[in-house]
Each structure stands twice: as structure tokens, then as C-alpha cells.
Amino acid sequence: MHCRRRSKEEIYRDVLNCLKQGPKKVSHIMCSANLSSYSFGVYLPLLENNGLVEMLYEERSKKCKITSKGREFLEKFNRAENIALF
């Protein structure tokens, strides 16, 4: 049985959903969103350049946090997905 590949927007949604509760370490986001380090390295700059996330550099770790634009994207995406199900 083959699984359908996620669209770019679905991957954005999965990453942003992980960040809704607050900043997370990169490794936690990759695990939660089911992304390899290579894939995350591809999508992170896209998310940053579109203003959906921002990086926080702490003393010994990198964390990522959702922006207000990211929350807005997530809300609109979920709304559109719910409409499409009907």
C-alpha cells in the first residue's frame, strides 16, 4: 500500500502545528512533522522567507517559533481543508 505524498502546504501545516504551543528545537520539529534533516533543510528557509516562522538562537541550541503570519496561514489552511471535506 502506497501513501499519498504530502503537498508543500501540508508540510507547512505540519511544521506550524508543531509550533503552535511554543518554540521547539529543530530535532523535535523534524520528528513531529515526520521530516528528514534534508527535507527540513529545504522547507525551513521557505518558511522563514515567507515570514511564517523565525529562528531563535540560544546559547547551545536553535529553536524555531511560529509568527503571527504563520498562525494566520495555519488558520486559513485548516479552514480551507475543512471546507474541502464537505
PDB file of N, CA and C in Angstrom:
ATOM      1  N   MET A   1       0.840  -1.179   0.000  1.00  0.00           N
ATOM      2  CA  MET A   1       0.000   0.000   0.000  1.00  0.00           C
ATOM      3  C   MET A   1       0.886   1.242   0.000  1.00  0.00           C
ATOM      4  N   HIS A   2       0.595   2.154  -0.918  1.00  0.00           N
ATOM      5  CA  HIS A   2       1.385   3.376  -1.034  1.00  0.00           C
ATOM      6  C   HIS A   2       0.638   4.544  -0.401  1.00  0.00           C
ATOM      7  N   CYS A   3       1.376   5.342   0.296  1.00  0.00           N
ATOM      8  CA  CYS A   3       0.791   6.542   0.898  1.00  0.00           C
ATOM      9  C   CYS A   3       0.926   7.699  -0.082  1.00  0.00           C
ATOM     10  N   ARG A   4      -0.038   8.579  -0.023  1.00  0.00           N
ATOM     11  CA  ARG A   4      -0.003   9.781  -0.850  1.00  0.00           C
ATOM     12  C   ARG A   4       1.071  10.716  -0.303  1.00  0.00           C
ATOM     13  N   ARG A   5       1.792  11.346  -1.207  1.00  0.00           N
ATOM     14  CA  ARG A   5       2.822  12.306  -0.799  1.00  0.00           C
ATOM     15  C   ARG A   5       2.153  13.601  -0.346  1.00  0.00           C
ATOM     16  N   ARG A   6       2.733  14.212   0.675  1.00  0.00           N
ATOM     17  CA  ARG A   6       2.190  15.472   1.174  1.00  0.00           C
ATOM     18  C   ARG A   6       2.567  16.619   0.251  1.00  0.00           C
ATOM     19  N   SER A   7       1.656  17.558   0.133  1.00  0.00           N
ATOM     20  CA  SER A   7       1.960  18.768  -0.634  1.00  0.00           C
ATOM     21  C   SER A   7       2.843  19.678   0.221  1.00  0.00           C
ATOM     22  N   LYS A   8       3.421  20.667  -0.426  1.00  0.00           N
ATOM     23  CA  LYS A   8       4.246  21.653   0.279  1.00  0.00           C
ATOM     24  C   LYS A   8       3.423  22.331   1.375  1.00  0.00           C
ATOM     25  N   GLU A   9       2.180  22.661   1.063  1.00  0.00           N
ATOM     26  CA  GLU A   9       1.323  23.328   2.039  1.00  0.00           C
ATOM     27  C   GLU A   9       1.012  22.419   3.232  1.00  0.00           C
ATOM     28  N   GLU A  10       0.850  21.118   2.976  1.00  0.00           N
ATOM     29  CA  GLU A  10       0.591  20.173   4.072  1.00  0.00           C
ATOM     30  C   GLU A  10       1.818  20.045   4.973  1.00  0.00           C
ATOM     31  N   ILE A  11       2.999  20.106   4.401  1.00  0.00           N
ATOM     32  CA  ILE A  11       4.220  20.072   5.209  1.00  0.00           C
ATOM     33  C   ILE A  11       4.328  21.356   6.027  1.00  0.00           C
ATOM     34  N   TYR A  12       4.012  22.501   5.412  1.00  0.00           N
ATOM     35  CA  TYR A  12       3.977  23.758   6.164  1.00  0.00           C
ATOM     36  C   TYR A  12       3.033  23.612   7.354  1.00  0.00           C
ATOM     37  N   ARG A  13       1.839  23.073   7.097  1.00  0.00           N
ATOM     38  CA  ARG A  13       0.841  22.900   8.155  1.00  0.00           C
ATOM     39  C   ARG A  13       1.395  22.027   9.279  1.00  0.00           C
ATOM     40  N   ASP A  14       2.030  20.915   8.931  1.00  0.00           N
ATOM     41  CA  ASP A  14       2.547  20.005   9.946  1.00  0.00           C
ATOM     42  C   ASP A  14       3.621  20.671  10.810  1.00  0.00           C
ATOM     43  N   VAL A  15       4.497  21.440  10.186  1.00  0.00           N
ATOM     44  CA  VAL A  15       5.544  22.150  10.942  1.00  0.00           C
ATOM     45  C   VAL A  15       4.892  23.214  11.833  1.00  0.00           C
ATOM     46  N   LEU A  16       3.976  23.987  11.285  1.00  0.00           N
ATOM     47  CA  LEU A  16       3.334  25.060  12.053  1.00  0.00           C
ATOM     48  C   LEU A  16       2.482  24.509  13.192  1.00  0.00           C
ATOM     49  N   ASN A  17       1.819  23.387  12.971  1.00  0.00           N
ATOM     50  CA  ASN A  17       1.041  22.749  14.043  1.00  0.00           C
ATOM     51  C   ASN A  17       1.929  22.378  15.214  1.00  0.00           C
ATOM     52  N   CYS A  18       3.120  21.911  14.912  1.00  0.00           N
ATOM     53  CA  CYS A  18       4.079  21.549  15.951  1.00  0.00           C
ATOM     54  C   CYS A  18       4.478  22.768  16.784  1.00  0.00           C
ATOM     55  N   LEU A  19       4.497  23.938  16.141  1.00  0.00           N
ATOM     56  CA  LEU A  19       4.975  25.160  16.810  1.00  0.00           C
ATOM     57  C   LEU A  19       3.872  25.961  17.498  1.00  0.00           C
ATOM     58  N   LYS A  20       2.626  25.520  17.389  1.00  0.00           N
ATOM     59  CA  LYS A  20       1.518  26.285  17.977  1.00  0.00           C
ATOM     60  C   LYS A  20       1.667  26.500  19.479  1.00  0.00           C
ATOM     61  N   GLN A  21       2.219  25.519  20.173  1.00  0.00           N
ATOM     62  CA  GLN A  21       2.315  25.582  21.630  1.00  0.00           C
ATOM     63  C   GLN A  21       3.560  26.298  22.136  1.00  0.00           C
ATOM     64  N   GLY A  22       4.393  26.774  21.217  1.00  0.00           N
ATOM     65  CA  GLY A  22       5.583  27.498  21.629  1.00  0.00           C
ATOM     66  C   GLY A  22       6.810  27.045  20.862  1.00  0.00           C
ATOM     67  N   PRO A  23       7.932  27.747  21.050  1.00  0.00           N
ATOM     68  CA  PRO A  23       9.167  27.420  20.325  1.00  0.00           C
ATOM     69  C   PRO A  23       9.626  25.989  20.608  1.00  0.00           C
ATOM     70  N   LYS A  24      10.166  25.362  19.568  1.00  0.00           N
ATOM     71  CA  LYS A  24      10.644  23.990  19.685  1.00  0.00           C
ATOM     72  C   LYS A  24      12.025  23.874  19.054  1.00  0.00           C
ATOM     73  N   LYS A  25      12.792  22.897  19.552  1.00  0.00           N
ATOM     74  CA  LYS A  25      14.083  22.591  18.950  1.00  0.00           C
ATOM     75  C   LYS A  25      13.860  21.995  17.570  1.00  0.00           C
ATOM     76  N   VAL A  26      14.823  22.198  16.698  1.00  0.00           N
ATOM     77  CA  VAL A  26      14.751  21.716  15.324  1.00  0.00           C
ATOM     78  C   VAL A  26      14.508  20.208  15.281  1.00  0.00           C
ATOM     79  N   SER A  27      15.202  19.457  16.128  1.00  0.00           N
ATOM     80  CA  SER A  27      15.048  17.995  16.113  1.00  0.00           C
ATOM     81  C   SER A  27      13.633  17.582  16.499  1.00  0.00           C
ATOM     82  N   HIS A  28      13.012  18.293  17.407  1.00  0.00           N
ATOM     83  CA  HIS A  28      11.638  17.988  17.815  1.00  0.00           C
ATOM     84  C   HIS A  28      10.667  18.258  16.664  1.00  0.00           C
ATOM     85  N   ILE A  29      10.894  19.337  15.946  1.00  0.00           N
ATOM     86  CA  ILE A  29      10.031  19.684  14.808  1.00  0.00           C
ATOM     87  C   ILE A  29      10.156  18.623  13.722  1.00  0.00           C
ATOM     88  N   MET A  30      11.382  18.210  13.414  1.00  0.00           N
ATOM     89  CA  MET A  30      11.590  17.198  12.370  1.00  0.00           C
ATOM     90  C   MET A  30      10.860  15.903  12.727  1.00  0.00           C
ATOM     91  N   CYS A  31      10.946  15.500  13.970  1.00  0.00           N
ATOM     92  CA  CYS A  31      10.304  14.268  14.414  1.00  0.00           C
ATOM     93  C   CYS A  31       8.781  14.411  14.372  1.00  0.00           C
ATOM     94  N   SER A  32       8.269  15.496  14.906  1.00  0.00           N
ATOM     95  CA  SER A  32       6.825  15.724  14.972  1.00  0.00           C
ATOM     96  C   SER A  32       6.198  15.874  13.584  1.00  0.00           C
ATOM     97  N   ALA A  33       6.899  16.539  12.672  1.00  0.00           N
ATOM     98  CA  ALA A  33       6.381  16.766  11.322  1.00  0.00           C
ATOM     99  C   ALA A  33       6.773  15.647  10.354  1.00  0.00           C
ATOM    100  N   ASN A  34       7.496  14.648  10.867  1.00  0.00           N
ATOM    101  CA  ASN A  34       7.921  13.499  10.065  1.00  0.00           C
ATOM    102  C   ASN A  34       8.741  13.937   8.848  1.00  0.00           C
ATOM    103  N   LEU A  35       9.791  14.719   9.111  1.00  0.00           N
ATOM    104  CA  LEU A  35      10.675  15.211   8.054  1.00  0.00           C
ATOM    105  C   LEU A  35      12.106  14.769   8.314  1.00  0.00           C
ATOM    106  N   SER A  36      12.807  14.432   7.274  1.00  0.00           N
ATOM    107  CA  SER A  36      14.234  14.144   7.394  1.00  0.00           C
ATOM    108  C   SER A  36      14.981  15.463   7.581  1.00  0.00           C
ATOM    109  N   SER A  37      16.224  15.373   7.986  1.00  0.00           N
ATOM    110  CA  SER A  37      17.006  16.607   8.152  1.00  0.00           C
ATOM    111  C   SER A  37      17.178  17.307   6.806  1.00  0.00           C
ATOM    112  N   TYR A  38      17.312  16.516   5.720  1.00  0.00           N
ATOM    113  CA  TYR A  38      17.433  17.121   4.388  1.00  0.00           C
ATOM    114  C   TYR A  38      16.152  17.880   4.032  1.00  0.00           C
ATOM    115  N   SER A  39      14.997  17.232   4.198  1.00  0.00           N
ATOM    116  CA  SER A  39      13.723  17.880   3.863  1.00  0.00           C
ATOM    117  C   SER A  39      13.483  19.117   4.722  1.00  0.00           C
ATOM    118  N   PHE A  40      13.811  19.004   6.003  1.00  0.00           N
ATOM    119  CA  PHE A  40      13.632  20.158   6.881  1.00  0.00           C
ATOM    120  C   PHE A  40      14.526  21.305   6.434  1.00  0.00           C
ATOM    121  N   GLY A  41      15.743  20.971   5.989  1.00  0.00           N
ATOM    122  CA  GLY A  41      16.664  21.985   5.479  1.00  0.00           C
ATOM    123  C   GLY A  41      16.163  22.665   4.225  1.00  0.00           C
ATOM    124  N   VAL A  42      15.323  21.972   3.465  1.00  0.00           N
ATOM    125  CA  VAL A  42      14.708  22.562   2.270  1.00  0.00           C
ATOM    126  C   VAL A  42      13.548  23.470   2.666  1.00  0.00           C
ATOM    127  N   TYR A  43      12.708  23.010   3.588  1.00  0.00           N
ATOM    128  CA  TYR A  43      11.483  23.740   3.934  1.00  0.00           C
ATOM    129  C   TYR A  43      11.691  24.886   4.918  1.00  0.00           C
ATOM    130  N   LEU A  44      12.672  24.781   5.801  1.00  0.00           N
ATOM    131  CA  LEU A  44      12.886  25.852   6.781  1.00  0.00           C
ATOM    132  C   LEU A  44      13.146  27.207   6.131  1.00  0.00           C
ATOM    133  N   PRO A  45      14.044  27.309   5.138  1.00  0.00           N
ATOM    134  CA  PRO A  45      14.245  28.618   4.504  1.00  0.00           C
ATOM    135  C   PRO A  45      12.969  29.143   3.828  1.00  0.00           C
ATOM    136  N   LEU A  46      12.166  28.248   3.264  1.00  0.00           N
ATOM    137  CA  LEU A  46      10.910  28.680   2.642  1.00  0.00           C
ATOM    138  C   LEU A  46       9.958  29.252   3.692  1.00  0.00           C
ATOM    139  N   LEU A  47       9.868  28.576   4.830  1.00  0.00           N
ATOM    140  CA  LEU A  47       9.010  29.059   5.917  1.00  0.00           C
ATOM    141  C   LEU A  47       9.513  30.398   6.453  1.00  0.00           C
ATOM    142  N   GLU A  48      10.820  30.520   6.615  1.00  0.00           N
ATOM    143  CA  GLU A  48      11.409  31.775   7.108  1.00  0.00           C
ATOM    144  C   GLU A  48      11.222  32.909   6.107  1.00  0.00           C
ATOM    145  N   ASN A  49      11.522  32.645   4.836  1.00  0.00           N
ATOM    146  CA  ASN A  49      11.423  33.684   3.811  1.00  0.00           C
ATOM    147  C   ASN A  49       9.999  34.167   3.606  1.00  0.00           C
ATOM    148  N   ASN A  50       9.029  33.302   3.872  1.00  0.00           N
ATOM    149  CA  ASN A  50       7.620  33.699   3.767  1.00  0.00           C
ATOM    150  C   ASN A  50       7.097  34.299   5.067  1.00  0.00           C
ATOM    151  N   GLY A  51       7.950  34.417   6.076  1.00  0.00           N
ATOM    152  CA  GLY A  51       7.564  35.059   7.330  1.00  0.00           C
ATOM    153  C   GLY A  51       6.657  34.213   8.201  1.00  0.00           C
ATOM    154  N   LEU A  52       6.661  32.888   8.000  1.00  0.00           N
ATOM    155  CA  LEU A  52       5.774  32.018   8.776  1.00  0.00           C
ATOM    156  C   LEU A  52       6.424  31.541  10.073  1.00  0.00           C
ATOM    157  N   VAL A  53       7.747  31.475  10.099  1.00  0.00           N
ATOM    158  CA  VAL A  53       8.483  31.101  11.306  1.00  0.00           C
ATOM    159  C   VAL A  53       9.700  32.004  11.447  1.00  0.00           C
ATOM    160  N   GLU A  54      10.241  32.014  12.654  1.00  0.00           N
ATOM    161  CA  GLU A  54      11.516  32.696  12.873  1.00  0.00           C
ATOM    162  C   GLU A  54      12.378  31.836  13.780  1.00  0.00           C
ATOM    163  N   MET A  55      13.670  31.935  13.579  1.00  0.00           N
ATOM    164  CA  MET A  55      14.619  31.148  14.361  1.00  0.00           C
ATOM    165  C   MET A  55      15.054  31.929  15.596  1.00  0.00           C
ATOM    166  N   LEU A  56      15.194  31.199  16.679  1.00  0.00           N
ATOM    167  CA  LEU A  56      15.704  31.749  17.927  1.00  0.00           C
ATOM    168  C   LEU A  56      17.024  31.046  18.215  1.00  0.00           C
ATOM    169  N   TYR A  57      18.084  31.796  18.338  1.00  0.00           N
ATOM    170  CA  TYR A  57      19.395  31.202  18.596  1.00  0.00           C
ATOM    171  C   TYR A  57      19.724  31.390  20.060  1.00  0.00           C
ATOM    172  N   GLU A  58      19.727  30.288  20.781  1.00  0.00           N
ATOM    173  CA  GLU A  58      20.051  30.315  22.193  1.00  0.00           C
ATOM    174  C   GLU A  58      21.486  29.849  22.374  1.00  0.00           C
ATOM    175  N   GLU A  59      21.926  29.867  23.583  1.00  0.00           N
ATOM    176  CA  GLU A  59      23.320  29.569  23.874  1.00  0.00           C
ATOM    177  C   GLU A  59      23.811  28.265  23.233  1.00  0.00           C
ATOM    178  N   ARG A  60      23.067  27.187  23.400  1.00  0.00           N
ATOM    179  CA  ARG A  60      23.547  25.901  22.888  1.00  0.00           C
ATOM    180  C   ARG A  60      22.560  25.230  21.940  1.00  0.00           C
ATOM    181  N   SER A  61      21.534  25.930  21.519  1.00  0.00           N
ATOM    182  CA  SER A  61      20.562  25.290  20.632  1.00  0.00           C
ATOM    183  C   SER A  61      19.870  26.309  19.732  1.00  0.00           C
ATOM    184  N   LYS A  62      19.275  25.771  18.687  1.00  0.00           N
ATOM    185  CA  LYS A  62      18.452  26.579  17.788  1.00  0.00           C
ATOM    186  C   LYS A  62      17.012  26.165  18.027  1.00  0.00           C
ATOM    187  N   LYS A  63      16.149  27.147  18.155  1.00  0.00           N
ATOM    188  CA  LYS A  63      14.726  26.874  18.276  1.00  0.00           C
ATOM    189  C   LYS A  63      13.996  27.650  17.200  1.00  0.00           C
ATOM    190  N   CYS A  64      12.836  27.173  16.889  1.00  0.00           N
ATOM    191  CA  CYS A  64      12.013  27.775  15.860  1.00  0.00           C
ATOM    192  C   CYS A  64      10.695  28.181  16.495  1.00  0.00           C
ATOM    193  N   LYS A  65      10.144  29.317  16.098  1.00  0.00           N
ATOM    194  CA  LYS A  65       8.844  29.728  16.634  1.00  0.00           C
ATOM    195  C   LYS A  65       7.957  30.220  15.504  1.00  0.00           C
ATOM    196  N   ILE A  66       6.661  30.029  15.690  1.00  0.00           N
ATOM    197  CA  ILE A  66       5.679  30.456  14.698  1.00  0.00           C
ATOM    198  C   ILE A  66       5.456  31.962  14.834  1.00  0.00           C
ATOM    199  N   THR A  67       5.241  32.639  13.724  1.00  0.00           N
ATOM    200  CA  THR A  67       4.952  34.070  13.735  1.00  0.00           C
ATOM    201  C   THR A  67       3.443  34.277  13.635  1.00  0.00           C
ATOM    202  N   SER A  68       2.997  35.500  13.769  1.00  0.00           N
ATOM    203  CA  SER A  68       1.563  35.784  13.627  1.00  0.00           C
ATOM    204  C   SER A  68       1.099  35.459  12.204  1.00  0.00           C
ATOM    205  N   LYS A  69       1.966  35.708  11.221  1.00  0.00           N
ATOM    206  CA  LYS A  69       1.634  35.353   9.839  1.00  0.00           C
ATOM    207  C   LYS A  69       1.517  33.830   9.690  1.00  0.00           C
ATOM    208  N   GLY A  70       2.359  33.100  10.397  1.00  0.00           N
ATOM    209  CA  GLY A  70       2.297  31.644  10.389  1.00  0.00           C
ATOM    210  C   GLY A  70       0.999  31.132  11.002  1.00  0.00           C
ATOM    211  N   ARG A  71       0.573  31.761  12.104  1.00  0.00           N
ATOM    212  CA  ARG A  71      -0.708  31.385  12.733  1.00  0.00           C
ATOM    213  C   ARG A  71      -1.874  31.663  11.791  1.00  0.00           C
ATOM    214  N   GLU A  72      -1.812  32.780  11.089  1.00  0.00           N
ATOM    215  CA  GLU A  72      -2.859  33.138  10.132  1.00  0.00           C
ATOM    216  C   GLU A  72      -2.901  32.114   8.981  1.00  0.00           C
ATOM    217  N   PHE A  73      -1.731  31.738   8.463  1.00  0.00           N
ATOM    218  CA  PHE A  73      -1.663  30.738   7.402  1.00  0.00           C
ATOM    219  C   PHE A  73      -2.284  29.429   7.874  1.00  0.00           C
ATOM    220  N   LEU A  74      -1.930  29.003   9.080  1.00  0.00           N
ATOM    221  CA  LEU A  74      -2.421  27.744   9.623  1.00  0.00           C
ATOM    222  C   LEU A  74      -3.940  27.770   9.772  1.00  0.00           C
ATOM    223  N   GLU A  75      -4.470  28.874  10.274  1.00  0.00           N
ATOM    224  CA  GLU A  75      -5.916  29.016  10.444  1.00  0.00           C
ATOM    225  C   GLU A  75      -6.631  28.951   9.090  1.00  0.00           C
ATOM    226  N   LYS A  76      -6.120  29.664   8.101  1.00  0.00           N
ATOM    227  CA  LYS A  76      -6.743  29.665   6.773  1.00  0.00           C
ATOM    228  C   LYS A  76      -6.625  28.303   6.103  1.00  0.00           C
ATOM    229  N   PHE A  77      -5.474  27.653   6.254  1.00  0.00           N
ATOM    230  CA  PHE A  77      -5.285  26.333   5.652  1.00  0.00           C
ATOM    231  C   PHE A  77      -6.267  25.330   6.252  1.00  0.00           C
ATOM    232  N   ASN A  78      -6.401  25.341   7.586  1.00  0.00           N
ATOM    233  CA  ASN A  78      -7.322  24.413   8.250  1.00  0.00           C
ATOM    234  C   ASN A  78      -8.765  24.684   7.845  1.00  0.00           C
ATOM    235  N   ARG A  79      -9.117  25.948   7.713  1.00  0.00           N
ATOM    236  CA  ARG A  79     -10.472  26.317   7.291  1.00  0.00           C
ATOM    237  C   ARG A  79     -10.738  25.795   5.864  1.00  0.00           C
ATOM    238  N   ALA A  80      -9.802  26.013   4.969  1.00  0.00           N
ATOM    239  CA  ALA A  80      -9.950  25.560   3.580  1.00  0.00           C
ATOM    240  C   ALA A  80     -10.021  24.030   3.515  1.00  0.00           C
ATOM    241  N   GLU A  81      -9.228  23.374   4.323  1.00  0.00           N
ATOM    242  CA  GLU A  81      -9.228  21.904   4.344  1.00  0.00           C
ATOM    243  C   GLU A  81     -10.576  21.367   4.839  1.00  0.00           C
ATOM    244  N   ASN A  82     -11.149  22.033   5.834  1.00  0.00           N
ATOM    245  CA  ASN A  82     -12.463  21.622   6.344  1.00  0.00           C
ATOM    246  C   ASN A  82     -13.554  21.824   5.321  1.00  0.00           C
ATOM    247  N   ILE A  83     -13.468  22.904   4.574  1.00  0.00           N
ATOM    248  CA  ILE A  83     -14.468  23.170   3.524  1.00  0.00           C
ATOM    249  C   ILE A  83     -14.347  22.121   2.432  1.00  0.00           C
ATOM    250  N   ALA A  84     -13.131  21.748   2.080  1.00  0.00           N
ATOM    251  CA  ALA A  84     -12.891  20.763   1.017  1.00  0.00           C
ATOM    252  C   ALA A  84     -13.432  19.378   1.395  1.00  0.00           C
ATOM    253  N   LEU A  85     -13.528  19.090   2.685  1.00  0.00           N
ATOM    254  CA  LEU A  85     -14.028  17.791   3.125  1.00  0.00           C
ATOM    255  C   LEU A  85     -15.540  17.657   2.946  1.00  0.00           C
ATOM    256  N   PHE A  86     -16.236  18.767   2.828  1.00  0.00           N
ATOM    257  CA  PHE A  86     -17.694  18.706   2.676  1.00  0.00           C
ATOM    258  C   PHE A  86     -18.104  18.563   1.271  1.00  0.00           C
TER     259      PHE A  86
END
